[in-house]
Amino acid sequence: MAQRVLVGGGTGFVGRYVCRTLENAGYKSLIISRNPKTENHLTWDEIESTGLPENLKAVINLAGEPVLNPFKRWDEAFQKTIHDSRIGTTNLLKKAIMNSKNPPNVFVTMSAVGFYPPDQVKLYDEYSSPTTSDYWSKFTTNWEAAGKFPSDFNEVRHVIVRCGVVLERDGGALQQMLPSFWTGFGGRYGCGTQWFPWIHADDIAGIFLHAVENSDVEGVLNGVAPEANTNSQFANTLGTAMWRPSLIPLPAFVLRAMFGSPRSSMLLEGQNVYPKRTLESGYQFKYPTLESALTKIIRSK
């Protein structure tokens, strides 16, 4: 009988890839979502009221309202939605695990490279301990803290995956970029010198599977490719993969007008992040370079 993994946010962009990867590896995914569709779907209210299902190998939380939605104003209501969909759900699952009579082996939670404050010079890895100086580093610190067990609870491993920009054509940032590049109007964001930490969707899913299957993996793993690129380099490589120019920048003031602050800072500022512990743990990237990732995405059916 297949071992079961409970996945919060399993119907989202990253969640679909994680569930597919789990199932290809022989696991059965149970998905928590706001709108359950099949018997393998649960609601957050069910988890809160009745606790975890029995006989789980792992619990993964990928839940989170998309931040860069241009149709959502950056107001208090939307900020609360961002908070509750990430920090609230992570805390709920942690409590359910601690109250379970038969807890899973591992709790894998999603985080983001926004944990590291933007910097043009510093190279961050999982051993870095930066000061939380901006909105997103403070938010992400609280997000990660929501999934950490008390020091006297050591029955369940906890792995935190700090994700970069996840790349695939059917979701996320790349899906929003492709139309402008196809029409020849693609280009860098702002000055383009900001770092752009990225990862292919197959690799971020692979890292979550790696965390589930390897009992010696614990703590933080950076979910970014080992190759560092700036936003300009990303735009140029994407244009080349699509046989399109990448000469028309999207000015900073346009992004600020679309998203406001601090959301626009996610696009106009960046951090150079290296997956040192991820590599040390034995994970082997399928797409370690931007060229390999974008060529696969753009030129495959």
C-alpha atoms as a PDB file:
ATOM      1  CA  MET A   1       0.000   0.000   0.000  1.00  0.00           C
ATOM      2  CA  ALA A   2       1.364   3.423  -0.978  1.00  0.00           C
ATOM      3  CA  GLN A   3       2.552   5.686   1.802  1.00  0.00           C
ATOM      4  CA  ARG A   4       0.513   8.849   2.159  1.00  0.00           C
ATOM      5  CA  VAL A   5       1.686  12.457   2.173  1.00  0.00           C
ATOM      6  CA  LEU A   6      -0.571  15.324   3.211  1.00  0.00           C
ATOM      7  CA  VAL A   7       0.029  18.422   1.051  1.00  0.00           C
ATOM      8  CA  GLY A   8      -1.320  21.827   1.987  1.00  0.00           C
ATOM      9  CA  GLY A   9      -1.812  23.921  -1.129  1.00  0.00           C
ATOM     10  CA  GLY A  10      -1.491  20.898  -3.385  1.00  0.00           C
ATOM     11  CA  THR A  11      -3.696  22.414  -6.093  1.00  0.00           C
ATOM     12  CA  GLY A  12      -1.469  25.482  -6.560  1.00  0.00           C
ATOM     13  CA  PHE A  13       1.276  25.995  -9.129  1.00  0.00           C
ATOM     14  CA  VAL A  14       4.112  24.479  -7.084  1.00  0.00           C
ATOM     15  CA  GLY A  15       1.748  22.055  -5.389  1.00  0.00           C
ATOM     16  CA  ARG A  16       0.797  20.399  -8.674  1.00  0.00           C
ATOM     17  CA  TYR A  17       4.452  19.639  -9.425  1.00  0.00           C
ATOM     18  CA  VAL A  18       5.147  18.409  -5.907  1.00  0.00           C
ATOM     19  CA  CYS A  19       2.125  16.079  -5.906  1.00  0.00           C
ATOM     20  CA  ARG A  20       3.006  14.733  -9.351  1.00  0.00           C
ATOM     21  CA  THR A  21       6.580  14.073  -8.231  1.00  0.00           C
ATOM     22  CA  LEU A  22       5.399  12.335  -5.054  1.00  0.00           C
ATOM     23  CA  GLU A  23       3.008  10.134  -6.989  1.00  0.00           C
ATOM     24  CA  ASN A  24       5.672   9.243  -9.561  1.00  0.00           C
ATOM     25  CA  ALA A  25       7.830   8.130  -6.631  1.00  0.00           C
ATOM     26  CA  GLY A  26       5.079   5.822  -5.369  1.00  0.00           C
ATOM     27  CA  TYR A  27       3.368   7.990  -2.738  1.00  0.00           C
ATOM     28  CA  LYS A  28      -0.304   8.883  -2.463  1.00  0.00           C
ATOM     29  CA  SER A  29      -1.052  12.593  -2.085  1.00  0.00           C
ATOM     30  CA  LEU A  30      -3.811  13.866   0.166  1.00  0.00           C
ATOM     31  CA  ILE A  31      -4.469  17.505  -0.647  1.00  0.00           C
ATOM     32  CA  ILE A  32      -5.713  20.259   1.645  1.00  0.00           C
ATOM     33  CA  SER A  33      -7.512  22.990  -0.247  1.00  0.00           C
ATOM     34  CA  ARG A  34     -10.260  25.543   0.216  1.00  0.00           C
ATOM     35  CA  ASN A  35     -12.431  23.813  -2.394  1.00  0.00           C
ATOM     36  CA  PRO A  36     -12.062  20.020  -2.153  1.00  0.00           C
ATOM     37  CA  LYS A  37     -12.866  18.206  -5.387  1.00  0.00           C
ATOM     38  CA  THR A  38     -12.357  14.494  -4.695  1.00  0.00           C
ATOM     39  CA  GLU A  39     -12.125  12.070  -1.801  1.00  0.00           C
ATOM     40  CA  ASN A  40      -8.380  12.738  -1.689  1.00  0.00           C
ATOM     41  CA  HIS A  41      -9.032  16.421  -0.862  1.00  0.00           C
ATOM     42  CA  LEU A  42      -9.546  17.792   2.643  1.00  0.00           C
ATOM     43  CA  THR A  43     -10.422  21.259   3.874  1.00  0.00           C
ATOM     44  CA  TRP A  44      -8.451  23.364   6.328  1.00  0.00           C
ATOM     45  CA  ASP A  45     -11.507  23.358   8.604  1.00  0.00           C
ATOM     46  CA  GLU A  46     -11.414  19.548   8.701  1.00  0.00           C
ATOM     47  CA  ILE A  47      -7.759  19.575   9.747  1.00  0.00           C
ATOM     48  CA  GLU A  48      -8.463  22.149  12.434  1.00  0.00           C
ATOM     49  CA  SER A  49     -11.498  20.319  13.839  1.00  0.00           C
ATOM     50  CA  THR A  50     -10.539  16.644  13.485  1.00  0.00           C
ATOM     51  CA  GLY A  51      -6.742  16.690  13.185  1.00  0.00           C
ATOM     52  CA  LEU A  52      -4.482  14.843  10.772  1.00  0.00           C
ATOM     53  CA  PRO A  53      -5.477  11.739   8.831  1.00  0.00           C
ATOM     54  CA  GLU A  54      -3.937   8.512  10.096  1.00  0.00           C
ATOM     55  CA  ASN A  55      -0.817   6.849   8.717  1.00  0.00           C
ATOM     56  CA  LEU A  56       0.995   9.757   7.096  1.00  0.00           C
ATOM     57  CA  LYS A  57       4.594   9.524   5.922  1.00  0.00           C
ATOM     58  CA  ALA A  58       4.945  13.301   5.742  1.00  0.00           C
ATOM     59  CA  VAL A  59       3.137  16.617   5.873  1.00  0.00           C
ATOM     60  CA  ILE A  60       4.093  19.339   3.384  1.00  0.00           C
ATOM     61  CA  ASN A  61       2.779  22.886   3.393  1.00  0.00           C
ATOM     62  CA  LEU A  62       2.883  24.871   0.146  1.00  0.00           C
ATOM     63  CA  ALA A  63      -0.154  27.041   0.823  1.00  0.00           C
ATOM     64  CA  GLY A  64       0.021  30.740   0.081  1.00  0.00           C
ATOM     65  CA  GLU A  65      -2.044  33.379  -1.706  1.00  0.00           C
ATOM     66  CA  PRO A  66      -0.077  34.665  -4.753  1.00  0.00           C
ATOM     67  CA  VAL A  67       1.587  37.939  -3.769  1.00  0.00           C
ATOM     68  CA  LEU A  68       2.187  39.428  -7.222  1.00  0.00           C
ATOM     69  CA  ASN A  69      -1.441  39.672  -8.284  1.00  0.00           C
ATOM     70  CA  PRO A  70      -1.846  43.030 -10.078  1.00  0.00           C
ATOM     71  CA  PHE A  71      -5.606  42.870  -9.548  1.00  0.00           C
ATOM     72  CA  LYS A  72      -5.214  42.901  -5.755  1.00  0.00           C
ATOM     73  CA  ARG A  73      -4.529  46.181  -3.959  1.00  0.00           C
ATOM     74  CA  TRP A  74      -1.830  46.116  -1.322  1.00  0.00           C
ATOM     75  CA  ASP A  75      -4.158  46.989   1.549  1.00  0.00           C
ATOM     76  CA  GLU A  76      -4.687  45.620   5.061  1.00  0.00           C
ATOM     77  CA  ALA A  77      -7.183  43.004   3.890  1.00  0.00           C
ATOM     78  CA  PHE A  78      -4.807  41.581   1.276  1.00  0.00           C
ATOM     79  CA  GLN A  79      -1.870  41.642   3.692  1.00  0.00           C
ATOM     80  CA  LYS A  80      -3.980  39.640   6.161  1.00  0.00           C
ATOM     81  CA  THR A  81      -4.764  37.133   3.422  1.00  0.00           C
ATOM     82  CA  ILE A  82      -1.043  36.784   2.652  1.00  0.00           C
ATOM     83  CA  HIS A  83      -0.312  36.284   6.362  1.00  0.00           C
ATOM     84  CA  ASP A  84      -3.095  33.795   7.077  1.00  0.00           C
ATOM     85  CA  SER A  85      -2.504  31.717   3.946  1.00  0.00           C
ATOM     86  CA  ARG A  86       1.154  31.189   4.855  1.00  0.00           C
ATOM     87  CA  ILE A  87       1.800  31.710   8.542  1.00  0.00           C
ATOM     88  CA  GLY A  88      -1.697  30.707   9.649  1.00  0.00           C
ATOM     89  CA  THR A  89      -1.797  27.417   7.739  1.00  0.00           C
ATOM     90  CA  THR A  90       1.757  26.499   8.738  1.00  0.00           C
ATOM     91  CA  ASN A  91       0.959  27.061  12.407  1.00  0.00           C
ATOM     92  CA  LEU A  92      -2.275  25.060  12.093  1.00  0.00           C
ATOM     93  CA  LEU A  93      -0.444  22.047  10.632  1.00  0.00           C
ATOM     94  CA  LYS A  94       2.300  22.251  13.254  1.00  0.00           C
ATOM     95  CA  LYS A  95      -0.298  22.108  16.037  1.00  0.00           C
ATOM     96  CA  ALA A  96      -2.107  19.226  14.323  1.00  0.00           C
ATOM     97  CA  ILE A  97       1.156  17.285  14.091  1.00  0.00           C
ATOM     98  CA  MET A  98       1.968  17.878  17.748  1.00  0.00           C
ATOM     99  CA  ASN A  99      -1.531  16.718  18.764  1.00  0.00           C
ATOM    100  CA  SER A 100      -1.415  13.613  16.585  1.00  0.00           C
ATOM    101  CA  LYS A 101      -1.198  10.214  18.298  1.00  0.00           C
ATOM    102  CA  ASN A 102       0.740   8.896  15.316  1.00  0.00           C
ATOM    103  CA  PRO A 103       2.647  11.867  13.866  1.00  0.00           C
ATOM    104  CA  PRO A 104       4.348  11.792  10.450  1.00  0.00           C
ATOM    105  CA  ASN A 105       8.081  11.324  10.024  1.00  0.00           C
ATOM    106  CA  VAL A 106       8.690  14.806   8.647  1.00  0.00           C
ATOM    107  CA  PHE A 107       7.099  18.229   8.301  1.00  0.00           C
ATOM    108  CA  VAL A 108       8.344  20.108   5.220  1.00  0.00           C
ATOM    109  CA  THR A 109       7.409  23.775   5.031  1.00  0.00           C
ATOM    110  CA  MET A 110       7.826  26.288   2.250  1.00  0.00           C
ATOM    111  CA  SER A 111       9.612  29.570   2.800  1.00  0.00           C
ATOM    112  CA  ALA A 112      11.188  32.067   0.404  1.00  0.00           C
ATOM    113  CA  VAL A 113      14.536  33.607  -0.445  1.00  0.00           C
ATOM    114  CA  GLY A 114      13.023  36.848   0.813  1.00  0.00           C
ATOM    115  CA  PHE A 115      14.399  35.644   4.158  1.00  0.00           C
ATOM    116  CA  TYR A 116      17.666  37.159   2.938  1.00  0.00           C
ATOM    117  CA  PRO A 117      17.526  40.973   2.651  1.00  0.00           C
ATOM    118  CA  PRO A 118      18.230  42.384  -0.825  1.00  0.00           C
ATOM    119  CA  ASP A 119      21.924  42.979  -1.462  1.00  0.00           C
ATOM    120  CA  GLN A 120      23.998  43.471  -4.596  1.00  0.00           C
ATOM    121  CA  VAL A 121      27.247  42.226  -3.050  1.00  0.00           C
ATOM    122  CA  LYS A 122      26.619  39.550  -0.418  1.00  0.00           C
ATOM    123  CA  LEU A 123      26.427  35.857  -1.235  1.00  0.00           C
ATOM    124  CA  TYR A 124      23.920  34.095   1.005  1.00  0.00           C
ATOM    125  CA  ASP A 125      23.650  30.399   1.774  1.00  0.00           C
ATOM    126  CA  GLU A 126      21.801  28.387   4.419  1.00  0.00           C
ATOM    127  CA  TYR A 127      24.517  29.109   6.987  1.00  0.00           C
ATOM    128  CA  SER A 128      24.035  32.876   6.665  1.00  0.00           C
ATOM    129  CA  SER A 129      22.340  34.687   9.554  1.00  0.00           C
ATOM    130  CA  PRO A 130      21.352  38.048   8.100  1.00  0.00           C
ATOM    131  CA  THR A 131      19.607  40.830   9.975  1.00  0.00           C
ATOM    132  CA  THR A 132      15.897  41.079   9.225  1.00  0.00           C
ATOM    133  CA  SER A 133      15.924  44.596   7.835  1.00  0.00           C
ATOM    134  CA  ASP A 134      13.083  44.866   5.312  1.00  0.00           C
ATOM    135  CA  TYR A 135       9.409  43.881   5.102  1.00  0.00           C
ATOM    136  CA  TRP A 136       9.947  40.511   3.408  1.00  0.00           C
ATOM    137  CA  SER A 137      12.860  39.324   5.541  1.00  0.00           C
ATOM    138  CA  LYS A 138      10.784  40.050   8.659  1.00  0.00           C
ATOM    139  CA  PHE A 139       7.707  38.383   7.191  1.00  0.00           C
ATOM    140  CA  THR A 140       9.645  35.292   6.089  1.00  0.00           C
ATOM    141  CA  THR A 141      11.341  34.972   9.465  1.00  0.00           C
ATOM    142  CA  ASN A 142       7.899  34.825  11.085  1.00  0.00           C
ATOM    143  CA  TRP A 143       6.697  32.393   8.401  1.00  0.00           C
ATOM    144  CA  GLU A 144       9.535  29.994   9.155  1.00  0.00           C
ATOM    145  CA  ALA A 145       9.051  30.348  12.913  1.00  0.00           C
ATOM    146  CA  ALA A 146       5.422  29.242  12.547  1.00  0.00           C
ATOM    147  CA  GLY A 147       6.562  25.769  11.468  1.00  0.00           C
ATOM    148  CA  LYS A 148       9.280  25.218  14.065  1.00  0.00           C
ATOM    149  CA  PHE A 149       8.517  22.784  16.857  1.00  0.00           C
ATOM    150  CA  PRO A 150       9.273  23.584  20.511  1.00  0.00           C
ATOM    151  CA  SER A 151      12.647  22.365  21.723  1.00  0.00           C
ATOM    152  CA  ASP A 152      11.037  19.590  23.785  1.00  0.00           C
ATOM    153  CA  PHE A 153       9.229  18.124  20.759  1.00  0.00           C
ATOM    154  CA  ASN A 154      11.690  16.030  18.740  1.00  0.00           C
ATOM    155  CA  GLU A 155       9.452  13.321  17.299  1.00  0.00           C
ATOM    156  CA  VAL A 156       9.214  14.857  13.818  1.00  0.00           C
ATOM    157  CA  ARG A 157      11.916  16.187  11.493  1.00  0.00           C
ATOM    158  CA  HIS A 158      11.361  19.705  10.221  1.00  0.00           C
ATOM    159  CA  VAL A 159      12.711  20.878   6.868  1.00  0.00           C
ATOM    160  CA  ILE A 160      12.325  24.431   5.544  1.00  0.00           C
ATOM    161  CA  VAL A 161      12.675  24.990   1.792  1.00  0.00           C
ATOM    162  CA  ARG A 162      13.465  28.619   0.902  1.00  0.00           C
ATOM    163  CA  CYS A 163      12.176  28.915  -2.662  1.00  0.00           C
ATOM    164  CA  GLY A 164      13.373  31.226  -5.365  1.00  0.00           C
ATOM    165  CA  VAL A 165      11.324  32.120  -8.446  1.00  0.00           C
ATOM    166  CA  VAL A 166       9.871  28.831  -9.671  1.00  0.00           C
ATOM    167  CA  LEU A 167       9.986  28.494 -13.453  1.00  0.00           C
ATOM    168  CA  GLU A 168       7.536  26.684 -15.722  1.00  0.00           C
ATOM    169  CA  ARG A 169       5.238  27.842 -18.470  1.00  0.00           C
ATOM    170  CA  ASP A 170       1.945  26.925 -16.758  1.00  0.00           C
ATOM    171  CA  GLY A 171       2.210  29.163 -13.712  1.00  0.00           C
ATOM    172  CA  GLY A 172       4.136  31.615 -11.608  1.00  0.00           C
ATOM    173  CA  ALA A 173       6.239  34.513 -12.840  1.00  0.00           C
ATOM    174  CA  LEU A 174       7.234  32.947 -16.162  1.00  0.00           C
ATOM    175  CA  GLN A 175       3.630  32.491 -17.257  1.00  0.00           C
ATOM    176  CA  GLN A 176       3.116  36.234 -16.774  1.00  0.00           C
ATOM    177  CA  MET A 177       6.303  37.097 -18.685  1.00  0.00           C
ATOM    178  CA  LEU A 178       5.837  34.911 -21.751  1.00  0.00           C
ATOM    179  CA  PRO A 179       3.207  36.975 -23.633  1.00  0.00           C
ATOM    180  CA  SER A 180       5.385  40.109 -23.734  1.00  0.00           C
ATOM    181  CA  PHE A 181       8.439  38.122 -24.848  1.00  0.00           C
ATOM    182  CA  TRP A 182       6.499  36.284 -27.573  1.00  0.00           C
ATOM    183  CA  THR A 183       5.452  39.634 -29.035  1.00  0.00           C
ATOM    184  CA  GLY A 184       9.004  40.995 -28.896  1.00  0.00           C
ATOM    185  CA  PHE A 185       8.380  43.445 -26.059  1.00  0.00           C
ATOM    186  CA  GLY A 186      10.165  41.566 -23.272  1.00  0.00           C
ATOM    187  CA  GLY A 187      13.098  42.809 -21.274  1.00  0.00           C
ATOM    188  CA  ARG A 188      14.609  43.384 -17.872  1.00  0.00           C
ATOM    189  CA  TYR A 189      12.845  44.846 -14.838  1.00  0.00           C
ATOM    190  CA  GLY A 190      14.178  48.254 -13.875  1.00  0.00           C
ATOM    191  CA  CYS A 191      17.960  48.508 -14.142  1.00  0.00           C
ATOM    192  CA  GLY A 192      18.304  44.715 -14.422  1.00  0.00           C
ATOM    193  CA  THR A 193      21.371  44.437 -12.192  1.00  0.00           C
ATOM    194  CA  GLN A 194      19.372  42.958  -9.314  1.00  0.00           C
ATOM    195  CA  TRP A 195      19.905  39.265  -8.567  1.00  0.00           C
ATOM    196  CA  PHE A 196      17.217  36.853  -9.755  1.00  0.00           C
ATOM    197  CA  PRO A 197      17.315  33.600  -7.735  1.00  0.00           C
ATOM    198  CA  TRP A 198      15.355  30.982  -9.672  1.00  0.00           C
ATOM    199  CA  ILE A 199      14.657  27.247  -9.846  1.00  0.00           C
ATOM    200  CA  HIS A 200      12.948  24.936 -12.339  1.00  0.00           C
ATOM    201  CA  ALA A 201       9.611  23.527 -11.140  1.00  0.00           C
ATOM    202  CA  ASP A 202      10.900  19.950 -11.456  1.00  0.00           C
ATOM    203  CA  ASP A 203      13.812  20.764  -9.150  1.00  0.00           C
ATOM    204  CA  ILE A 204      11.760  22.463  -6.446  1.00  0.00           C
ATOM    205  CA  ALA A 205       9.464  19.435  -6.464  1.00  0.00           C
ATOM    206  CA  GLY A 206      12.533  17.195  -6.373  1.00  0.00           C
ATOM    207  CA  ILE A 207      13.869  18.992  -3.297  1.00  0.00           C
ATOM    208  CA  PHE A 208      10.590  18.447  -1.438  1.00  0.00           C
ATOM    209  CA  LEU A 209      10.700  14.740  -2.331  1.00  0.00           C
ATOM    210  CA  HIS A 210      14.360  14.651  -1.257  1.00  0.00           C
ATOM    211  CA  ALA A 211      13.370  16.100   2.136  1.00  0.00           C
ATOM    212  CA  VAL A 212      10.612  13.529   2.570  1.00  0.00           C
ATOM    213  CA  GLU A 213      12.723  10.495   1.670  1.00  0.00           C
ATOM    214  CA  ASN A 214      16.033  11.220   3.426  1.00  0.00           C
ATOM    215  CA  SER A 215      15.939  10.894   7.185  1.00  0.00           C
ATOM    216  CA  ASP A 216      19.214  12.787   7.633  1.00  0.00           C
ATOM    217  CA  VAL A 217      17.860  15.922   5.939  1.00  0.00           C
ATOM    218  CA  GLU A 218      16.757  18.531   8.456  1.00  0.00           C
ATOM    219  CA  GLY A 219      16.740  22.299   8.780  1.00  0.00           C
ATOM    220  CA  VAL A 220      16.978  24.816   5.945  1.00  0.00           C
ATOM    221  CA  LEU A 221      17.482  23.989   2.266  1.00  0.00           C
ATOM    222  CA  ASN A 222      17.708  26.763  -0.295  1.00  0.00           C
ATOM    223  CA  GLY A 223      15.372  25.989  -3.178  1.00  0.00           C
ATOM    224  CA  VAL A 224      17.368  27.810  -5.849  1.00  0.00           C
ATOM    225  CA  ALA A 225      19.543  26.676  -8.725  1.00  0.00           C
ATOM    226  CA  PRO A 226      23.318  26.757  -8.158  1.00  0.00           C
ATOM    227  CA  GLU A 227      23.868  29.233 -11.002  1.00  0.00           C
ATOM    228  CA  ALA A 228      23.453  32.900 -10.030  1.00  0.00           C
ATOM    229  CA  ASN A 229      21.909  35.292 -12.562  1.00  0.00           C
ATOM    230  CA  THR A 230      20.858  38.903 -12.652  1.00  0.00           C
ATOM    231  CA  ASN A 231      17.490  39.995 -13.973  1.00  0.00           C
ATOM    232  CA  SER A 232      19.124  41.215 -17.202  1.00  0.00           C
ATOM    233  CA  GLN A 233      20.819  37.852 -17.694  1.00  0.00           C
ATOM    234  CA  PHE A 234      17.497  36.126 -17.127  1.00  0.00           C
ATOM    235  CA  ALA A 235      15.732  38.336 -19.694  1.00  0.00           C
ATOM    236  CA  ASN A 236      18.483  37.804 -22.277  1.00  0.00           C
ATOM    237  CA  THR A 237      18.523  34.029 -21.775  1.00  0.00           C
ATOM    238  CA  LEU A 238      14.733  33.838 -22.014  1.00  0.00           C
ATOM    239  CA  GLY A 239      14.764  35.913 -25.207  1.00  0.00           C
ATOM    240  CA  THR A 240      17.418  33.654 -26.726  1.00  0.00           C
ATOM    241  CA  ALA A 241      15.458  30.515 -25.846  1.00  0.00           C
ATOM    242  CA  MET A 242      12.383  32.007 -27.521  1.00  0.00           C
ATOM    243  CA  TRP A 243      14.293  33.447 -30.517  1.00  0.00           C
ATOM    244  CA  ARG A 244      13.002  36.855 -29.521  1.00  0.00           C
ATOM    245  CA  PRO A 245      14.659  40.172 -28.598  1.00  0.00           C
ATOM    246  CA  SER A 246      14.827  41.207 -24.947  1.00  0.00           C
ATOM    247  CA  LEU A 247      15.511  44.898 -25.430  1.00  0.00           C
ATOM    248  CA  ILE A 248      12.527  46.674 -23.911  1.00  0.00           C
ATOM    249  CA  PRO A 249      12.832  47.155 -20.149  1.00  0.00           C
ATOM    250  CA  LEU A 250       9.854  47.473 -17.842  1.00  0.00           C
ATOM    251  CA  PRO A 251      10.619  50.705 -15.941  1.00  0.00           C
ATOM    252  CA  ALA A 252      10.735  50.674 -12.172  1.00  0.00           C
ATOM    253  CA  PHE A 253       8.041  53.330 -11.874  1.00  0.00           C
ATOM    254  CA  VAL A 254       5.597  51.146 -13.819  1.00  0.00           C
ATOM    255  CA  LEU A 255       6.167  48.217 -11.476  1.00  0.00           C
ATOM    256  CA  ARG A 256       5.755  50.467  -8.445  1.00  0.00           C
ATOM    257  CA  ALA A 257       2.499  51.780  -9.877  1.00  0.00           C
ATOM    258  CA  MET A 258       1.229  48.252 -10.572  1.00  0.00           C
ATOM    259  CA  PHE A 259       2.169  46.594  -7.304  1.00  0.00           C
ATOM    260  CA  GLY A 260       2.993  49.333  -4.831  1.00  0.00           C
ATOM    261  CA  SER A 261       5.524  48.877  -2.091  1.00  0.00           C
ATOM    262  CA  PRO A 262       6.772  46.487  -0.789  1.00  0.00           C
ATOM    263  CA  ARG A 263       5.626  44.119  -3.561  1.00  0.00           C
ATOM    264  CA  SER A 264       7.543  45.944  -6.292  1.00  0.00           C
ATOM    265  CA  SER A 265      10.741  45.479  -4.261  1.00  0.00           C
ATOM    266  CA  MET A 266      10.470  41.728  -4.919  1.00  0.00           C
ATOM    267  CA  LEU A 267      11.058  42.491  -8.618  1.00  0.00           C
ATOM    268  CA  LEU A 268      13.368  45.501  -8.413  1.00  0.00           C
ATOM    269  CA  GLU A 269      15.668  44.225  -5.666  1.00  0.00           C
ATOM    270  CA  GLY A 270      17.231  40.834  -5.236  1.00  0.00           C
ATOM    271  CA  GLN A 271      19.678  38.628  -3.409  1.00  0.00           C
ATOM    272  CA  ASN A 272      22.429  36.243  -4.518  1.00  0.00           C
ATOM    273  CA  VAL A 273      21.497  32.903  -2.951  1.00  0.00           C
ATOM    274  CA  TYR A 274      23.442  29.643  -3.200  1.00  0.00           C
ATOM    275  CA  PRO A 275      22.044  26.162  -2.297  1.00  0.00           C
ATOM    276  CA  LYS A 276      25.052  25.018  -0.275  1.00  0.00           C
ATOM    277  CA  ARG A 277      23.240  22.742   2.217  1.00  0.00           C
ATOM    278  CA  THR A 278      20.931  21.479  -0.517  1.00  0.00           C
ATOM    279  CA  LEU A 279      23.954  20.256  -2.475  1.00  0.00           C
ATOM    280  CA  GLU A 280      25.686  18.969   0.665  1.00  0.00           C
ATOM    281  CA  SER A 281      22.580  16.910   1.457  1.00  0.00           C
ATOM    282  CA  GLY A 282      23.006  15.039  -1.818  1.00  0.00           C
ATOM    283  CA  TYR A 283      20.373  16.632  -4.008  1.00  0.00           C
ATOM    284  CA  GLN A 284      21.349  16.661  -7.695  1.00  0.00           C
ATOM    285  CA  PHE A 285      19.786  19.380  -9.808  1.00  0.00           C
ATOM    286  CA  LYS A 286      18.163  18.423 -13.094  1.00  0.00           C
ATOM    287  CA  TYR A 287      18.522  21.988 -14.376  1.00  0.00           C
ATOM    288  CA  PRO A 288      21.539  23.655 -12.724  1.00  0.00           C
ATOM    289  CA  THR A 289      21.876  26.401 -15.344  1.00  0.00           C
ATOM    290  CA  LEU A 290      19.387  28.967 -16.575  1.00  0.00           C
ATOM    291  CA  GLU A 291      20.009  28.049 -20.191  1.00  0.00           C
ATOM    292  CA  SER A 292      19.192  24.386 -19.551  1.00  0.00           C
ATOM    293  CA  ALA A 293      16.039  25.259 -17.607  1.00  0.00           C
ATOM    294  CA  LEU A 294      14.612  27.783 -20.075  1.00  0.00           C
ATOM    295  CA  THR A 295      15.521  25.721 -23.126  1.00  0.00           C
ATOM    296  CA  LYS A 296      13.659  22.758 -21.631  1.00  0.00           C
ATOM    297  CA  ILE A 297      10.626  24.903 -20.776  1.00  0.00           C
ATOM    298  CA  ILE A 298      10.347  26.833 -24.022  1.00  0.00           C
ATOM    299  CA  ARG A 299      11.313  24.209 -26.578  1.00  0.00           C
ATOM    300  CA  SER A 300       9.566  21.161 -25.187  1.00  0.00           C
ATOM    301  CA  LYS A 301       5.943  20.305 -25.826  1.00  0.00           C
END
